[in-house]
């Protein structure tokens, strides 16, 4: 097909003649771009001289063009005023590029996608696909901006030609909505995984940004409780964020320097190595769409302890089938892990069930689903 326009808030880096950005997002976009003659990305760009982070990968595709827009920031009064006026400029740039695009792709929820959705009201017959990466569950409590996103995306009246990809299957969705999935690994990566004995050492892992909403402190509290009861425990946290200093302080206060590592942002290869080496994922996030880290951890045999948000319950199955839904109670996690130290065979059973489920969702299967979707758009 022709020109594919992507609207996103993800900040990109220009380095050595190519564009880089957050790895999981780029890995997906590189598959999308295969089906178009040219790709135009409308997004913020880092200042010149900034190097990609370890988690960033290269954007690939046919005839990639980048349209730089300012990043919007509403965290303080001055930034809010500046962003308010920037939004008008971005809206104008979006409209200009809508005239040139054959298919428009919105990465939601985001400020840029929201402005794009407002503009799309005046391009009702333009082919468009929105990817909603947040929690689509209508019963969940969401920030007002997310609620407005969902109301707009669900409107067939405003957007008769829009297809919206969401994670999970929920009631009260319009014909715009298409349950979808994502993937991180290829079929060639489905190698056998053997976990070490829990009686020797319990190994915990957290992967994700160190934000308050993701409760990364839970893994530290679980480690402390297990050590207090005489178990050998090692834990790693992969990721960076504003809570890093508080977590470092908590580790020192609990005297866990020998038991917990904060690895920061690491490559996808290093994350895989840590997953293979770990028994349990501790990821009690308050808001997710399709939490890739849960699916990724199961791909490598980890048993996840996670929260009941979005489609997570559909991922881990009924109680104890492939993982456990926790409401933030670290004592509940601790007791379940203690049970597994006495029943390794139960851990192995759940671990293998998780592997079977997660390895169904490979990048090849995701690519095939994208191909089918884009063919339906082209023929519409």
Protein backbone atom coordinates (compact mmCIF):
# COMPACT_ATOMS: atom_id res chain seq x y z
CA UNK A 1 0.00 0.00 0.00
CA UNK A 2 0.94 3.68 -0.10
CA UNK A 3 1.93 6.10 2.66
CA UNK A 4 1.58 4.96 6.28
CA UNK A 5 1.40 7.78 8.86
CA UNK A 6 2.20 6.97 12.50
CA UNK A 7 1.15 9.29 15.34
CA UNK A 8 2.85 8.65 18.68
CA UNK A 9 4.25 10.32 21.80
CA UNK A 10 7.28 8.00 21.85
CA UNK A 11 10.47 10.06 21.74
CA UNK A 12 12.85 8.94 18.99
CA UNK A 13 16.62 9.35 18.69
CA UNK A 14 18.45 10.09 15.43
CA UNK A 15 21.80 8.29 15.52
CA UNK A 16 24.22 7.30 12.74
CA UNK A 17 21.70 8.08 10.02
CA UNK A 18 18.82 6.08 11.53
CA UNK A 19 15.97 6.52 13.99
CA UNK A 20 15.86 4.60 17.27
CA UNK A 21 13.21 4.30 19.99
CA UNK A 22 11.83 2.05 22.72
CA UNK A 23 12.53 -1.54 21.64
CA UNK A 24 9.11 -3.24 22.06
CA UNK A 25 7.39 -0.40 20.16
CA UNK A 26 9.95 -0.40 17.32
CA UNK A 27 9.93 -4.18 17.02
CA UNK A 28 6.20 -3.98 16.35
CA UNK A 29 6.45 -0.98 14.00
CA UNK A 30 9.09 -2.74 11.90
CA UNK A 31 6.49 -5.41 11.15
CA UNK A 32 3.79 -2.85 10.33
CA UNK A 33 6.08 -0.96 7.94
CA UNK A 34 6.60 -4.01 5.70
CA UNK A 35 3.13 -3.54 4.23
CA UNK A 36 3.56 0.06 3.06
CA UNK A 37 5.55 1.85 0.36
CA UNK A 38 6.60 4.63 2.73
CA UNK A 39 6.36 5.36 6.45
CA UNK A 40 5.95 8.82 7.96
CA UNK A 41 6.43 9.04 11.74
CA UNK A 42 5.00 12.08 13.51
CA UNK A 43 6.58 12.15 16.97
CA UNK A 44 8.98 14.00 19.30
CA UNK A 45 12.71 13.74 18.54
CA UNK A 46 15.57 13.91 21.05
CA UNK A 47 18.15 16.68 20.89
CA UNK A 48 21.10 16.20 18.54
CA UNK A 49 23.91 14.14 20.01
CA UNK A 50 21.72 11.96 22.23
CA UNK A 51 22.58 8.26 21.94
CA UNK A 52 20.04 5.40 21.98
CA UNK A 53 19.43 3.65 25.30
CA UNK A 54 20.26 -0.07 25.65
CA UNK A 55 16.54 -0.88 25.28
CA UNK A 56 16.21 1.15 22.04
CA UNK A 57 16.36 -0.47 18.60
CA UNK A 58 16.48 0.81 15.03
CA UNK A 59 13.37 1.72 13.04
CA UNK A 60 13.39 -0.08 9.70
CA UNK A 61 11.12 0.11 6.68
CA UNK A 62 10.58 1.54 3.21
CA UNK A 63 11.35 5.24 2.71
CA UNK A 64 11.09 6.34 6.34
CA UNK A 65 10.41 10.04 6.87
CA UNK A 66 10.28 11.73 10.26
CA UNK A 67 8.04 14.69 11.11
CA UNK A 68 9.31 16.25 14.35
CA UNK A 69 6.80 17.68 16.79
CA UNK A 70 7.32 19.10 20.30
CA UNK A 71 6.69 16.78 23.24
CA UNK A 72 3.65 17.82 25.25
CA UNK A 73 4.05 18.06 29.01
CA UNK A 74 1.28 18.92 31.48
CA UNK A 75 3.20 18.19 34.69
CA UNK A 76 3.46 21.81 35.88
CA UNK A 77 1.77 25.18 35.11
CA UNK A 78 4.53 26.57 32.87
CA UNK A 79 4.82 23.36 30.85
CA UNK A 80 1.03 23.19 30.58
CA UNK A 81 0.79 26.69 29.08
CA UNK A 82 3.60 25.93 26.65
CA UNK A 83 2.01 22.62 25.67
CA UNK A 84 -1.40 24.23 25.22
CA UNK A 85 -0.06 26.48 22.46
CA UNK A 86 2.12 23.68 21.03
CA UNK A 87 -1.01 21.54 20.66
CA UNK A 88 -2.44 23.95 18.06
CA UNK A 89 0.77 23.71 16.04
CA UNK A 90 0.76 19.90 16.28
CA UNK A 91 -2.89 19.78 15.23
CA UNK A 92 -2.04 21.84 12.13
CA UNK A 93 0.88 19.52 11.26
CA UNK A 94 -1.37 16.48 11.74
CA UNK A 95 -4.02 17.83 9.37
CA UNK A 96 -1.43 18.59 6.68
CA UNK A 97 -0.09 15.04 6.88
CA UNK A 98 -3.58 13.53 6.87
CA UNK A 99 -4.07 14.84 3.34
CA UNK A 100 -0.97 12.93 2.21
CA UNK A 101 -1.53 9.66 4.09
CA UNK A 102 -3.28 6.60 2.72
CA UNK A 103 -3.52 4.88 6.11
CA UNK A 104 -3.20 6.58 9.51
CA UNK A 105 -2.00 4.71 12.57
CA UNK A 106 -2.67 6.04 16.09
CA UNK A 107 -0.60 4.80 19.04
CA UNK A 108 -3.02 5.28 21.93
CA UNK A 109 -3.39 6.50 24.56
CA UNK A 110 -1.17 9.52 23.86
CA UNK A 111 -1.41 13.28 23.47
CA UNK A 112 -0.48 13.10 19.79
CA UNK A 113 -3.03 10.38 19.05
CA UNK A 114 -5.72 12.36 20.89
CA UNK A 115 -5.10 15.41 18.70
CA UNK A 116 -5.09 13.10 15.68
CA UNK A 117 -8.45 11.62 16.67
CA UNK A 118 -9.92 15.11 16.86
CA UNK A 119 -8.57 15.82 13.38
CA UNK A 120 -9.89 12.51 12.06
CA UNK A 121 -13.46 13.70 12.69
CA UNK A 122 -12.98 15.84 9.55
CA UNK A 123 -11.52 12.89 7.59
CA UNK A 124 -14.28 10.39 8.33
CA UNK A 125 -13.60 8.19 5.31
CA UNK A 126 -9.82 8.07 5.72
CA UNK A 127 -8.51 4.55 6.45
CA UNK A 128 -7.22 4.46 10.01
CA UNK A 129 -6.03 1.98 12.61
CA UNK A 130 -5.66 2.74 16.31
CA UNK A 131 -3.62 0.58 18.65
CA UNK A 132 -4.87 1.07 22.21
CA UNK A 133 -2.08 -0.16 24.45
CA UNK A 134 -3.86 0.67 27.70
CA UNK A 135 -6.53 -1.07 29.73
CA UNK A 136 -9.70 -1.42 27.63
CA UNK A 137 -11.76 -3.01 30.42
CA UNK A 138 -14.88 -0.79 30.71
CA UNK A 139 -15.23 -1.70 34.39
CA UNK A 140 -11.83 -0.28 35.30
CA UNK A 141 -11.18 3.14 36.79
CA UNK A 142 -9.11 5.17 34.35
CA UNK A 143 -7.78 8.75 34.21
CA UNK A 144 -10.17 11.16 32.51
CA UNK A 145 -7.94 11.49 29.43
CA UNK A 146 -7.97 7.70 28.96
CA UNK A 147 -11.76 7.62 29.34
CA UNK A 148 -12.10 10.27 26.61
CA UNK A 149 -9.77 8.23 24.39
CA UNK A 150 -11.95 5.17 24.81
CA UNK A 151 -15.19 7.06 24.18
CA UNK A 152 -13.80 8.50 20.94
CA UNK A 153 -12.33 5.22 19.71
CA UNK A 154 -15.56 3.36 20.44
CA UNK A 155 -17.66 5.79 18.37
CA UNK A 156 -18.78 4.37 15.03
CA UNK A 157 -20.63 7.63 14.33
CA UNK A 158 -17.46 9.74 14.51
CA UNK A 159 -15.15 7.18 12.92
CA UNK A 160 -16.96 4.85 10.50
CA UNK A 161 -13.66 3.76 8.88
CA UNK A 162 -11.58 3.31 12.02
CA UNK A 163 -10.36 -0.06 13.31
CA UNK A 164 -9.25 -0.18 16.94
CA UNK A 165 -6.96 -2.93 18.22
CA UNK A 166 -7.35 -3.63 21.93
CA UNK A 167 -5.99 -6.22 24.33
CA UNK A 168 -8.58 -8.71 25.55
CA UNK A 169 -12.27 -9.28 24.88
CA UNK A 170 -14.79 -7.12 26.70
CA UNK A 171 -18.52 -6.41 26.44
CA UNK A 172 -20.05 -3.10 25.32
CA UNK A 173 -17.57 -2.63 22.49
CA UNK A 174 -18.59 -1.25 19.10
CA UNK A 175 -17.85 -2.82 15.72
CA UNK A 176 -14.76 -0.59 15.56
CA UNK A 177 -13.11 -2.72 18.23
CA UNK A 178 -10.94 -5.72 17.31
CA UNK A 179 -9.46 -7.91 20.09
CA UNK A 180 -5.77 -8.28 19.28
CA UNK A 181 -2.46 -9.28 20.84
CA UNK A 182 1.23 -8.58 20.52
CA UNK A 183 4.41 -10.63 20.70
CA UNK A 184 8.08 -10.34 21.60
CA UNK A 185 9.81 -13.52 20.44
CA UNK A 186 10.16 -15.63 17.32
CA UNK A 187 9.45 -19.33 16.89
CA UNK A 188 13.19 -19.94 16.58
CA UNK A 189 13.60 -18.75 20.19
CA UNK A 190 11.37 -21.46 21.64
CA UNK A 191 14.18 -23.45 23.21
CA UNK A 192 13.79 -25.75 26.19
CA UNK A 193 14.05 -24.13 29.64
CA UNK A 194 14.97 -26.00 32.81
CA UNK A 195 14.55 -24.19 36.12
CA UNK A 196 16.87 -24.74 39.05
CA UNK A 197 15.63 -26.19 42.34
CA UNK A 198 13.72 -23.79 44.57
CA UNK A 199 15.17 -25.52 47.62
CA UNK A 200 18.63 -24.19 46.72
CA UNK A 201 17.75 -20.57 45.99
CA UNK A 202 14.54 -18.70 45.13
CA UNK A 203 15.09 -16.30 42.24
CA UNK A 204 12.75 -13.35 41.69
CA UNK A 205 12.57 -10.81 38.88
CA UNK A 206 10.87 -7.51 38.10
CA UNK A 207 11.00 -6.04 34.59
CA UNK A 208 9.57 -2.62 33.77
CA UNK A 209 9.80 1.08 34.43
CA UNK A 210 10.34 2.03 38.05
CA UNK A 211 7.10 3.96 38.48
CA UNK A 212 4.97 4.14 41.62
CA UNK A 213 1.98 2.73 39.70
CA UNK A 214 3.90 -0.46 38.91
CA UNK A 215 4.77 -1.12 42.58
CA UNK A 216 8.37 -2.28 42.07
CA UNK A 217 8.90 -2.14 45.83
CA UNK A 218 6.83 -5.34 46.17
CA UNK A 219 9.70 -7.55 45.03
CA UNK A 220 11.95 -6.00 47.69
CA UNK A 221 9.40 -6.63 50.46
CA UNK A 222 8.89 -10.23 49.34
CA UNK A 223 12.66 -10.79 49.30
CA UNK A 224 12.96 -9.42 52.83
CA UNK A 225 10.14 -11.63 54.19
CA UNK A 226 11.53 -14.79 52.61
CA UNK A 227 15.03 -14.07 53.95
CA UNK A 228 13.59 -13.45 57.43
CA UNK A 229 12.09 -16.95 57.30
CA UNK A 230 15.41 -18.54 56.42
CA UNK A 231 15.12 -18.97 52.65
CA UNK A 232 17.93 -18.28 50.19
CA UNK A 233 16.73 -15.54 47.81
CA UNK A 234 18.15 -13.51 44.94
CA UNK A 235 16.22 -10.80 43.11
CA UNK A 236 16.87 -8.56 40.10
CA UNK A 237 15.04 -5.50 38.81
CA UNK A 238 15.45 -4.60 35.13
CA UNK A 239 14.35 -1.07 34.34
CA UNK A 240 14.80 2.55 35.31
CA UNK A 241 12.59 5.38 36.48
CA UNK A 242 11.82 7.99 39.14
CA UNK A 243 11.54 5.42 41.96
CA UNK A 244 15.12 4.20 41.56
CA UNK A 245 16.57 6.26 44.44
CA UNK A 246 13.72 5.24 46.79
CA UNK A 247 14.23 1.58 45.91
CA UNK A 248 17.98 1.88 46.50
CA UNK A 249 17.25 3.43 49.90
CA UNK A 250 14.78 0.63 50.74
CA UNK A 251 17.36 -2.01 49.81
CA UNK A 252 19.93 -0.38 52.11
CA UNK A 253 17.42 0.00 54.97
CA UNK A 254 16.49 -3.69 54.69
CA UNK A 255 20.21 -4.63 54.35
CA UNK A 256 19.54 -6.48 51.08
CA UNK A 257 22.55 -5.27 49.07
CA UNK A 258 23.82 -8.85 48.74
CA UNK A 259 20.43 -10.16 47.60
CA UNK A 260 18.98 -7.58 45.19
CA UNK A 261 20.41 -6.06 42.02
CA UNK A 262 19.06 -2.97 40.26
CA UNK A 263 20.29 -3.54 36.71
CA UNK A 264 18.68 -0.47 35.10
CA UNK A 265 17.70 -0.51 31.44
CA UNK A 266 19.31 -3.52 29.79
CA UNK A 267 19.21 -5.12 26.34
CA UNK A 268 16.48 -7.58 25.39
CA UNK A 269 19.13 -10.33 25.36
CA UNK A 270 20.01 -9.59 28.97
CA UNK A 271 16.33 -9.60 29.96
CA UNK A 272 15.98 -13.07 28.41
CA UNK A 273 19.02 -14.28 30.34
CA UNK A 274 17.53 -12.99 33.58
CA UNK A 275 14.12 -14.58 32.84
CA UNK A 276 15.76 -17.96 32.19
CA UNK A 277 17.63 -17.66 35.48
CA UNK A 278 14.53 -16.70 37.51
CA UNK A 279 11.61 -18.61 39.00
CA UNK A 280 9.02 -15.90 39.69
CA UNK A 281 8.02 -12.60 38.14
CA UNK A 282 6.77 -10.05 40.69
CA UNK A 283 4.79 -7.43 38.73
CA UNK A 284 1.89 -5.87 40.65
CA UNK A 285 1.06 -2.99 38.31
CA UNK A 286 -2.06 -0.85 38.76
CA UNK A 287 -2.66 -0.28 35.04
CA UNK A 288 -1.65 -2.24 31.95
CA UNK A 289 -2.90 -3.07 28.47
CA UNK A 290 -1.20 -6.24 27.33
CA UNK A 291 1.58 -6.49 29.92
CA UNK A 292 4.33 -7.87 27.71
CA UNK A 293 6.50 -8.63 30.69
CA UNK A 294 3.94 -11.18 31.96
CA UNK A 295 3.80 -12.99 28.61
CA UNK A 296 7.57 -12.73 28.20
CA UNK A 297 8.26 -14.14 31.65
CA UNK A 298 5.98 -17.12 30.97
CA UNK A 299 7.73 -17.66 27.61
CA UNK A 300 10.89 -18.42 29.62
CA UNK A 301 9.20 -20.49 32.33
CA UNK A 302 8.72 -17.92 35.09
CA UNK A 303 5.54 -18.11 37.15
CA UNK A 304 4.06 -14.59 37.38
CA UNK A 305 2.55 -12.90 40.39
CA UNK A 306 0.64 -10.01 38.89
CA UNK A 307 -2.45 -7.81 39.27
CA UNK A 308 -6.00 -8.19 37.97
CA UNK A 309 -6.04 -5.40 35.37
CA UNK A 310 -7.06 -5.32 31.72
CA UNK A 311 -6.69 -8.76 30.08
CA UNK A 312 -4.18 -10.13 32.61
CA UNK A 313 -6.74 -12.57 34.02
CA UNK A 314 -7.19 -13.99 30.51
CA UNK A 315 -3.40 -14.35 30.25
CA UNK A 316 -2.71 -16.22 33.48
CA UNK A 317 -5.94 -18.26 33.40
CA UNK A 318 -7.97 -19.56 36.31
CA UNK A 319 -6.47 -19.54 39.82
CA UNK A 320 -3.01 -21.01 39.62
CA UNK A 321 -3.29 -22.26 36.03
CA UNK A 322 -0.38 -20.21 34.64
CA UNK A 323 0.19 -17.62 37.36
CA UNK A 324 -1.41 -15.75 40.25
CA UNK A 325 -3.48 -12.57 40.51
CA UNK A 326 -2.49 -10.51 43.54
CA UNK A 327 -3.99 -7.34 44.98
CA UNK A 328 -0.67 -5.96 46.20
CA UNK A 329 -0.38 -8.17 49.29
CA UNK A 330 3.27 -9.23 49.53
CA UNK A 331 2.39 -11.70 52.33
CA UNK A 332 0.16 -13.59 49.88
CA UNK A 333 3.03 -13.83 47.42
CA UNK A 334 5.43 -14.95 50.13
CA UNK A 335 3.17 -17.74 51.33
CA UNK A 336 2.61 -19.07 47.80
CA UNK A 337 6.35 -19.11 47.08
CA UNK A 338 6.97 -20.96 50.36
CA UNK A 339 4.45 -23.59 49.24
CA UNK A 340 6.36 -24.09 45.98
CA UNK A 341 9.64 -24.66 47.83
CA UNK A 342 8.00 -27.76 49.30
CA UNK A 343 6.22 -28.71 46.06
CA UNK A 344 8.65 -28.21 43.18
CA UNK A 345 6.48 -30.40 40.95
CA UNK A 346 3.58 -27.93 41.28
CA UNK A 347 5.85 -25.06 40.29
CA UNK A 348 7.13 -27.04 37.29
CA UNK A 349 3.55 -27.81 36.19
CA UNK A 350 2.45 -24.16 36.24
CA UNK A 351 5.69 -23.05 34.62
CA UNK A 352 5.16 -25.44 31.70
CA UNK A 353 1.54 -24.34 31.28
CA UNK A 354 2.73 -20.76 31.00
CA UNK A 355 5.32 -21.72 28.40
CA UNK A 356 2.69 -23.49 26.26
CA UNK A 357 0.31 -20.51 26.39
CA UNK A 358 2.86 -17.73 25.77
CA UNK A 359 4.68 -19.53 22.94
CA UNK A 360 1.50 -19.52 20.91
CA UNK A 361 1.89 -15.74 20.56
CA UNK A 362 5.06 -15.51 18.48
CA UNK A 363 6.18 -12.69 16.21
CA UNK A 364 5.41 -14.90 13.20
CA UNK A 365 1.80 -15.30 14.34
CA UNK A 366 1.60 -11.58 15.09
CA UNK A 367 2.98 -10.75 11.64
CA UNK A 368 0.41 -13.05 10.00
CA UNK A 369 -2.37 -11.28 11.91
CA UNK A 370 -1.02 -7.89 10.81
CA UNK A 371 -0.88 -9.05 7.19
CA UNK A 372 -4.50 -10.18 7.32
CA UNK A 373 -5.55 -6.90 8.95
CA UNK A 374 -3.74 -4.74 6.40
CA UNK A 375 -5.17 -6.76 3.51
CA UNK A 376 -8.68 -6.16 4.83
CA UNK A 377 -7.95 -2.43 5.05
CA UNK A 378 -6.56 -2.34 1.52
CA UNK A 379 -9.63 -4.10 0.16
CA UNK A 380 -12.12 -2.03 2.14
